[in-house]
Amino acid sequence: MANYIWYSGATDQTGRALQEALGLTGTRNKPRNLTASDLVIGWGTKIQEDVNLGRAKVINHPNAIRNNRNKYKALEIMANSRDVVGNVKKFKTSNQALHAIANDELVLPVIGRRNYHQGGKGFWLCLTHGQVERAIADGAQYFQNYIDIKTEYRLHVFDDSVIKAVKKVEAASREAWTNQRKEKIMDYATKNDWNLDDDTIERVLGILVKEVTLPDYIVRSNKRGWKFSNVRVQNLSRNLKSAAINAVKALDLGFGAVDCAIDHGENAWIIEVNTGPGLQGTAFDVYVEAFRNKIAEIQRPGPARRVANAARRAVGAAPVGEAQQPENNQANVQVNEAALVHMMNAVNSPEEARRVLDLMAGR
C-alpha cells in the first residue's frame, strides 16, 4: 500500500510541503504499478491526455483537474449542473460573442479570457463592441458577463464542506506592489546571474508605482493591491457556501479552492476553482488535517472486512491481509470469509451479529 501526491511544476511548493507533512510519496509523473490498495492525491496535476489509474483510490483525479484547467470547459461543466448554473455568469466563445451581445445574451461590459489563464494574465475588460473585437484579435477565446463585485472570497472546499475561508481586502498598496516586484526582479537576477544594484531597483520601482492605479478594482490580485484576510466560515452566507460546494462536486473534484464573489445585489457567483492552491499558515494546517482524516477513512477496513477479521481472531486465525500465524490445536478451524460476509449482510441487529460470530467460533 502506497500513498502518492501528484503535483506539477506550478504547484510543487505546496505539494512538497504536503508530501512531507503527510508522509506521502511525491511525484510529477504518473505513479507506476498502482494497485487497489494505493492512494493518489492530485494536487494541480498537469497532463495532456486522460490517464488511467486503474483501481487505485484517487482524491482529485488528474482527468478532472485537466478539465478544470481549461476554464471555458470548466464553465461549461458548471453551467450544465442544475445546482451550479444559477451561480455562473453567462459566457460565450469568441466566435459567438458579438452575436450574443447584439441579441442581449451577453451584456456589456464583458470580460474576455483565454481558455487557460492564471491570475490577471489573458484578461480583457471590454466596454464596447470595438473593444470586444480588439480582444478577439489579441487572443481572447471566450467572454463572460462582468460581475459587479462587492466582496471577493476564496472558499476552501474539502469533502462537501468549507474548511477555510478568506476574503480579499485592500493591501498597503504601493509598498506591497513595490516589494512584490522587487522580489520577482531579484529572483530573475539570481537565476540569470545578473548583477543588479539594490538601490537602483528601488528607485526605478518607486517611479513606476506612481503610474499604477492601486488597488485595482477589476483584477483583485496580490500584485494589484489586494491580500487575503481570514473569515469565519459560519459568518458566510448559506448561498455562497452552497455554490462553492456544488461547484467542486460538479467538476468531479474532492477538494478545491473556489474563487467566488458576492455582488452588490447579494447574489453569489463562482469565478473559478483552483486544484493546487498555494497554502501557508492555518490554510496549510487545515488541509493537512483534512487529508489525514480522509486517508484514514479510505484505508479503514469496511464493515464486512472488520467482521471477518473479528471472526478470524476469535478462532485464532490471522486477520485478512496479515501474515498467517502457525496454527495450534484450538485454532485449526477454517473460516469461509465469503460465507461469513453473506451471513453478516443478512443480520438485522448487533445481537444477531454476535450470534454469527459465536457460530463461526464454534460456541
Protein backbone atom coordinates (compact mmCIF):
# COMPACT_ATOMS: atom_id res chain seq x y z
CA MET A 1 0.00 0.00 0.00
CA ALA A 2 1.41 3.38 -1.05
CA ASN A 3 0.10 6.95 -0.83
CA TYR A 4 1.11 9.40 -3.57
CA ILE A 5 0.66 13.13 -4.13
CA TRP A 6 0.98 14.04 -7.82
CA TYR A 7 1.76 17.73 -8.37
CA SER A 8 3.08 19.92 -11.19
CA GLY A 9 5.90 22.42 -11.53
CA ALA A 10 3.47 25.23 -10.76
CA THR A 11 2.11 23.55 -7.60
CA ASP A 12 5.13 21.68 -6.28
CA GLN A 13 5.98 24.10 -3.47
CA THR A 14 2.81 23.37 -1.53
CA GLY A 15 2.71 19.85 -2.96
CA ARG A 16 6.11 19.02 -1.47
CA ALA A 17 5.13 20.57 1.87
CA LEU A 18 2.01 18.36 1.99
CA GLN A 19 4.15 15.38 0.96
CA GLU A 20 6.41 15.92 3.96
CA ALA A 21 3.65 16.69 6.46
CA LEU A 22 1.58 13.65 5.47
CA GLY A 23 4.40 11.21 4.78
CA LEU A 24 3.39 10.78 1.12
CA THR A 25 5.41 9.86 -1.93
CA GLY A 26 5.65 12.94 -4.16
CA THR A 27 5.81 12.81 -7.94
CA ARG A 28 5.43 14.95 -11.08
CA ASN A 29 4.70 11.88 -13.18
CA LYS A 30 2.07 9.15 -13.13
CA PRO A 31 2.80 6.63 -10.35
CA ARG A 32 3.55 3.17 -11.72
CA ASN A 33 2.26 -0.29 -10.84
CA LEU A 34 -0.71 1.01 -8.87
CA THR A 35 -2.89 -1.46 -7.00
CA ALA A 36 -6.34 -1.28 -5.46
CA SER A 37 -4.79 -0.54 -2.06
CA ASP A 38 -2.85 2.52 -3.32
CA LEU A 39 -4.00 6.13 -2.98
CA VAL A 40 -3.26 9.02 -5.36
CA ILE A 41 -3.91 12.69 -4.49
CA GLY A 42 -3.95 15.05 -7.46
CA TRP A 43 -2.54 18.46 -6.49
CA GLY A 44 -2.83 20.76 -9.50
CA THR A 45 -1.65 17.89 -11.72
CA LYS A 46 -0.89 18.84 -15.33
CA ILE A 47 -1.46 16.21 -18.03
CA GLN A 48 -2.04 16.48 -21.77
CA GLU A 49 -4.11 13.31 -22.18
CA ASP A 50 -6.51 11.45 -19.90
CA VAL A 51 -4.80 8.90 -17.65
CA ASN A 52 -5.97 5.56 -16.28
CA LEU A 53 -5.11 4.98 -12.63
CA GLY A 54 -6.69 1.55 -12.57
CA ARG A 55 -8.33 0.53 -9.30
CA ALA A 56 -6.27 2.89 -7.14
CA LYS A 57 -8.20 5.19 -4.84
CA VAL A 58 -8.00 8.79 -6.05
CA ILE A 59 -8.71 12.18 -4.50
CA ASN A 60 -8.98 14.75 -7.32
CA HIS A 61 -8.41 12.62 -10.37
CA PRO A 62 -5.93 14.17 -12.84
CA ASN A 63 -8.57 13.84 -15.58
CA ALA A 64 -10.96 16.07 -13.60
CA ILE A 65 -8.11 18.51 -12.92
CA ARG A 66 -7.33 18.57 -16.64
CA ASN A 67 -10.95 19.50 -17.44
CA ASN A 68 -10.90 22.23 -14.80
CA ARG A 69 -7.65 23.75 -16.08
CA ASN A 70 -9.47 24.64 -19.29
CA LYS A 71 -11.52 27.47 -17.78
CA TYR A 72 -14.04 27.57 -20.60
CA LYS A 73 -14.66 23.83 -20.28
CA ALA A 74 -14.99 24.22 -16.50
CA LEU A 75 -17.66 26.89 -17.03
CA GLU A 76 -19.49 24.55 -19.41
CA ILE A 77 -19.45 21.74 -16.85
CA MET A 78 -20.76 24.01 -14.10
CA ALA A 79 -23.39 25.55 -16.38
CA ASN A 80 -24.67 22.04 -17.14
CA SER A 81 -25.10 21.34 -13.44
CA ARG A 82 -28.57 22.08 -12.11
CA ASP A 83 -27.06 23.01 -8.74
CA VAL A 84 -24.48 25.48 -10.09
CA VAL A 85 -25.87 27.04 -13.26
CA GLY A 86 -27.57 29.87 -11.32
CA ASN A 87 -24.21 30.89 -9.83
CA VAL A 88 -22.29 31.17 -13.12
CA LYS A 89 -22.42 34.33 -15.23
CA LYS A 90 -23.35 33.76 -18.85
CA PHE A 91 -20.46 33.19 -21.24
CA LYS A 92 -19.83 32.65 -24.95
CA THR A 93 -16.88 31.71 -27.15
CA SER A 94 -15.16 34.48 -29.09
CA ASN A 95 -16.92 33.28 -32.26
CA GLN A 96 -20.31 33.72 -30.57
CA ALA A 97 -19.62 36.83 -28.50
CA LEU A 98 -20.54 39.67 -30.89
CA HIS A 99 -23.75 37.95 -31.98
CA ALA A 100 -24.62 37.25 -28.33
CA ILE A 101 -24.07 40.91 -27.39
CA ALA A 102 -26.22 42.07 -30.30
CA ASN A 103 -29.01 39.78 -29.07
CA ASP A 104 -28.60 40.69 -25.37
CA GLU A 105 -27.40 37.21 -24.42
CA LEU A 106 -24.26 38.93 -23.18
CA VAL A 107 -24.48 42.44 -21.76
CA LEU A 108 -21.65 44.98 -21.91
CA PRO A 109 -19.33 45.30 -20.11
CA VAL A 110 -17.90 41.80 -20.57
CA ILE A 111 -14.66 40.13 -19.57
CA GLY A 112 -12.56 38.41 -22.23
CA ARG A 113 -10.31 35.50 -21.19
CA ARG A 114 -8.10 32.81 -22.63
CA ASN A 115 -9.15 29.19 -22.03
CA TYR A 116 -6.00 28.68 -19.98
CA HIS A 117 -5.19 31.60 -17.72
CA GLN A 118 -3.78 32.38 -14.33
CA GLY A 119 -4.12 35.49 -12.19
CA GLY A 120 -4.57 38.65 -14.25
CA LYS A 121 -2.99 37.26 -17.41
CA GLY A 122 -5.10 36.82 -20.53
CA PHE A 123 -7.69 39.33 -19.30
CA TRP A 124 -9.65 41.98 -21.21
CA LEU A 125 -12.30 44.32 -19.81
CA CYS A 126 -14.47 45.34 -22.76
CA LEU A 127 -16.89 48.24 -22.55
CA THR A 128 -17.74 48.47 -26.27
CA HIS A 129 -18.18 46.28 -29.36
CA GLY A 130 -14.92 47.65 -30.69
CA GLN A 131 -13.04 46.58 -27.59
CA VAL A 132 -14.51 43.07 -27.90
CA GLU A 133 -13.28 42.89 -31.49
CA ARG A 134 -9.83 44.04 -30.41
CA ALA A 135 -9.73 41.49 -27.57
CA ILE A 136 -10.60 38.72 -30.02
CA ALA A 137 -7.77 39.86 -32.30
CA ASP A 138 -5.41 39.87 -29.30
CA GLY A 139 -6.29 36.29 -28.31
CA ALA A 140 -9.39 36.30 -26.11
CA GLN A 141 -11.10 32.91 -26.50
CA TYR A 142 -14.32 33.48 -24.55
CA PHE A 143 -16.30 36.29 -22.97
CA GLN A 144 -18.38 36.40 -19.81
CA ASN A 145 -20.76 38.93 -18.28
CA TYR A 146 -18.99 41.23 -15.84
CA ILE A 147 -19.55 40.69 -12.09
CA ASP A 148 -20.06 43.90 -10.14
CA ILE A 149 -18.17 42.57 -7.14
CA LYS A 150 -18.97 43.74 -3.63
CA THR A 151 -16.72 41.21 -1.87
CA GLU A 152 -14.50 38.50 -3.35
CA TYR A 153 -13.73 35.31 -1.45
CA ARG A 154 -11.70 32.15 -1.67
CA LEU A 155 -13.50 29.22 -0.05
CA HIS A 156 -11.52 26.04 0.50
CA VAL A 157 -13.90 23.13 -0.02
CA PHE A 158 -12.98 19.60 1.07
CA ASP A 159 -15.32 16.61 1.02
CA ASP A 160 -18.52 18.69 0.70
CA SER A 161 -17.56 21.14 3.48
CA VAL A 162 -15.98 24.59 3.59
CA ILE A 163 -12.88 24.05 5.75
CA LYS A 164 -11.33 27.52 5.38
CA ALA A 165 -12.48 30.91 4.13
CA VAL A 166 -10.69 34.14 3.26
CA LYS A 167 -11.76 37.33 1.54
CA LYS A 168 -9.81 39.86 -0.47
CA VAL A 169 -9.11 43.18 1.23
CA GLU A 170 -7.07 46.19 0.18
CA ALA A 171 -3.38 45.89 0.99
CA ALA A 172 -0.86 48.66 1.76
CA SER A 173 -0.92 49.19 -1.97
CA ARG A 174 2.26 50.98 -3.08
CA GLU A 175 4.57 49.28 -0.60
CA ALA A 176 3.13 45.82 -1.41
CA TRP A 177 3.35 46.45 -5.16
CA THR A 178 6.98 47.58 -4.89
CA ASN A 179 8.04 44.73 -2.62
CA GLN A 180 6.44 42.05 -4.79
CA ARG A 181 8.11 43.31 -7.95
CA LYS A 182 11.46 43.75 -6.25
CA GLU A 183 11.27 40.15 -5.05
CA LYS A 184 10.47 38.97 -8.58
CA ILE A 185 13.30 41.02 -10.13
CA MET A 186 15.80 39.68 -7.60
CA ASP A 187 14.63 36.14 -8.33
CA TYR A 188 15.23 36.67 -12.06
CA ALA A 189 18.61 38.22 -11.29
CA THR A 190 19.70 35.24 -9.19
CA LYS A 191 18.58 32.68 -11.78
CA ASN A 192 20.31 34.54 -14.64
CA ASP A 193 23.39 35.68 -12.71
CA TRP A 194 22.59 39.36 -13.21
CA ASN A 195 24.40 41.95 -11.12
CA LEU A 196 21.71 44.43 -10.05
CA ASP A 197 22.11 47.31 -7.65
CA ASP A 198 19.52 47.20 -4.86
CA ASP A 199 19.25 51.00 -4.57
CA THR A 200 18.69 51.39 -8.34
CA ILE A 201 15.90 48.80 -8.31
CA GLU A 202 14.08 50.61 -5.53
CA ARG A 203 14.43 53.99 -7.27
CA VAL A 204 13.04 52.64 -10.57
CA LEU A 205 10.15 50.84 -8.88
CA GLY A 206 9.40 53.99 -6.88
CA ILE A 207 8.88 55.84 -10.17
CA LEU A 208 6.86 53.07 -11.85
CA VAL A 209 4.46 52.58 -8.94
CA LYS A 210 3.23 56.17 -9.43
CA GLU A 211 1.86 55.13 -12.83
CA VAL A 212 -0.21 52.28 -11.38
CA THR A 213 -3.78 52.58 -10.07
CA LEU A 214 -3.93 50.71 -6.77
CA PRO A 215 -5.88 48.89 -5.65
CA ASP A 216 -7.16 47.58 -8.98
CA TYR A 217 -10.93 47.00 -8.63
CA ILE A 218 -11.11 44.96 -11.85
CA VAL A 219 -8.41 42.35 -11.21
CA ARG A 220 -8.19 41.81 -7.46
CA SER A 221 -4.85 40.02 -7.20
CA ASN A 222 -1.98 40.33 -4.73
CA LYS A 223 0.05 42.00 -7.46
CA ARG A 224 -2.61 44.68 -7.85
CA GLY A 225 -3.08 45.85 -4.28
CA TRP A 226 -5.06 43.05 -2.61
CA LYS A 227 -4.41 40.44 0.06
CA PHE A 228 -6.37 37.66 1.78
CA SER A 229 -7.93 38.15 5.21
CA ASN A 230 -9.40 35.33 7.29
CA VAL A 231 -13.18 34.99 7.57
CA ARG A 232 -15.20 32.81 9.94
CA VAL A 233 -16.91 30.11 7.87
CA GLN A 234 -20.09 30.35 9.95
CA ASN A 235 -20.40 34.04 9.02
CA LEU A 236 -20.63 33.30 5.29
CA SER A 237 -24.00 33.27 3.57
CA ARG A 238 -25.54 29.85 3.01
CA ASN A 239 -25.92 30.62 -0.72
CA LEU A 240 -22.21 31.32 -1.14
CA LYS A 241 -21.13 28.17 0.70
CA SER A 242 -23.60 26.00 -1.22
CA ALA A 243 -22.48 27.47 -4.54
CA ALA A 244 -18.82 26.73 -3.76
CA ILE A 245 -19.51 23.16 -2.59
CA ASN A 246 -21.71 22.44 -5.61
CA ALA A 247 -19.10 23.83 -8.00
CA VAL A 248 -16.46 21.42 -6.67
CA LYS A 249 -18.89 18.49 -6.90
CA ALA A 250 -19.96 19.41 -10.44
CA LEU A 251 -16.32 19.37 -11.55
CA ASP A 252 -15.96 15.86 -10.07
CA LEU A 253 -13.39 17.04 -7.54
CA GLY A 254 -12.96 16.07 -3.91
CA PHE A 255 -11.48 19.41 -2.92
CA GLY A 256 -10.73 22.81 -4.39
CA ALA A 257 -10.10 26.46 -3.58
CA VAL A 258 -13.13 28.24 -5.01
CA ASP A 259 -12.75 31.85 -6.08
CA CYS A 260 -16.21 33.36 -5.74
CA ALA A 261 -17.94 36.64 -5.05
CA ILE A 262 -20.98 38.42 -3.71
CA ASP A 263 -22.21 41.23 -5.96
CA HIS A 264 -23.97 44.42 -4.90
CA GLY A 265 -27.30 42.62 -5.24
CA GLU A 266 -26.13 40.00 -2.70
CA ASN A 267 -26.01 37.30 -5.40
CA ALA A 268 -23.37 34.56 -5.17
CA TRP A 269 -21.15 33.93 -8.22
CA ILE A 270 -18.48 31.35 -8.97
CA ILE A 271 -15.36 32.68 -10.70
CA GLU A 272 -13.16 29.58 -10.87
CA VAL A 273 -11.86 26.60 -8.89
CA ASN A 274 -8.18 26.03 -8.08
CA THR A 275 -6.94 22.45 -7.61
CA GLY A 276 -3.43 23.25 -6.38
CA PRO A 277 -3.62 26.48 -4.37
CA GLY A 278 -0.60 27.91 -2.61
CA LEU A 279 -1.05 27.34 1.12
CA GLN A 280 0.51 28.88 4.18
CA GLY A 281 -0.21 29.09 7.90
CA THR A 282 -3.64 27.98 9.05
CA ALA A 283 -4.79 27.20 5.49
CA PHE A 284 -1.99 24.64 5.17
CA ASP A 285 -2.80 23.20 8.60
CA VAL A 286 -6.49 22.65 7.85
CA TYR A 287 -5.65 20.84 4.61
CA VAL A 288 -3.18 18.58 6.43
CA GLU A 289 -5.86 17.69 8.98
CA ALA A 290 -8.48 17.15 6.27
CA PHE A 291 -6.17 14.87 4.28
CA ARG A 292 -5.18 12.89 7.37
CA ASN A 293 -8.81 12.25 8.21
CA LYS A 294 -9.69 11.34 4.62
CA ILE A 295 -6.73 9.00 4.22
CA ALA A 296 -7.64 7.25 7.49
CA GLU A 297 -11.25 6.93 6.32
CA ILE A 298 -10.23 5.49 2.95
CA GLN A 299 -7.82 2.98 4.44
CA ARG A 300 -10.11 1.91 7.28
CA PRO A 301 -11.47 -1.60 6.59
CA GLY A 302 -15.12 -1.78 5.61
CA PRO A 303 -17.76 -3.38 7.88
CA ALA A 304 -17.57 -6.79 6.18
CA ARG A 305 -13.78 -6.89 6.44
CA ARG A 306 -13.89 -5.83 10.10
CA VAL A 307 -16.45 -8.53 10.93
CA ALA A 308 -14.46 -11.16 9.05
CA ASN A 309 -11.29 -10.20 10.91
CA ALA A 310 -13.11 -10.33 14.25
CA ALA A 311 -14.30 -13.84 13.50
CA ARG A 312 -10.86 -14.98 12.37
CA ARG A 313 -9.31 -13.63 15.55
CA ALA A 314 -11.99 -15.41 17.60
CA VAL A 315 -10.84 -18.78 16.22
CA GLY A 316 -7.15 -17.95 16.30
CA ALA A 317 -6.65 -17.23 12.57
CA ALA A 318 -4.76 -14.18 11.33
CA PRO A 319 -6.86 -11.22 10.11
CA VAL A 320 -7.21 -10.83 6.35
CA GLY A 321 -4.16 -9.11 4.90
CA GLU A 322 -1.87 -10.09 7.79
CA ALA A 323 0.69 -12.87 7.76
CA GLN A 324 -0.77 -16.20 8.80
CA GLN A 325 0.45 -17.49 12.15
CA PRO A 326 1.25 -21.16 12.79
CA GLU A 327 -1.93 -22.98 13.66
CA ASN A 328 -2.42 -24.73 17.00
CA ASN A 329 -4.92 -27.37 18.03
CA GLN A 330 -7.50 -24.83 19.20
CA ALA A 331 -7.20 -22.70 16.06
CA ASN A 332 -7.44 -25.46 13.50
CA VAL A 333 -10.63 -24.02 12.07
CA GLN A 334 -11.04 -22.73 8.52
CA VAL A 335 -13.15 -19.61 8.16
CA ASN A 336 -15.07 -19.22 4.93
CA GLU A 337 -14.92 -15.43 4.65
CA ALA A 338 -17.33 -15.24 1.71
CA ALA A 339 -19.96 -17.18 3.66
CA LEU A 340 -19.36 -15.01 6.72
CA VAL A 341 -19.80 -11.80 4.77
CA HIS A 342 -23.01 -13.19 3.23
CA MET A 343 -24.38 -14.02 6.67
CA MET A 344 -23.37 -10.68 8.15
CA ASN A 345 -25.12 -8.84 5.33
CA ALA A 346 -28.33 -10.62 6.35
CA VAL A 347 -28.28 -9.71 10.05
CA ASN A 348 -30.72 -7.12 11.38
CA SER A 349 -29.25 -6.29 14.79
CA PRO A 350 -26.00 -6.29 16.78
CA GLU A 351 -27.34 -9.29 18.74
CA GLU A 352 -27.70 -11.32 15.54
CA ALA A 353 -24.20 -10.29 14.51
CA ARG A 354 -22.84 -11.62 17.82
CA ARG A 355 -24.65 -14.93 17.23
CA VAL A 356 -22.97 -15.25 13.84
CA LEU A 357 -19.57 -14.65 15.41
CA ASP A 358 -20.32 -17.21 18.10
CA LEU A 359 -21.34 -19.70 15.42
CA MET A 360 -18.15 -19.17 13.43
CA ALA A 361 -16.13 -19.53 16.63
CA GLY A 362 -17.80 -22.85 17.37
CA ARG A 363 -19.58 -21.67 20.52
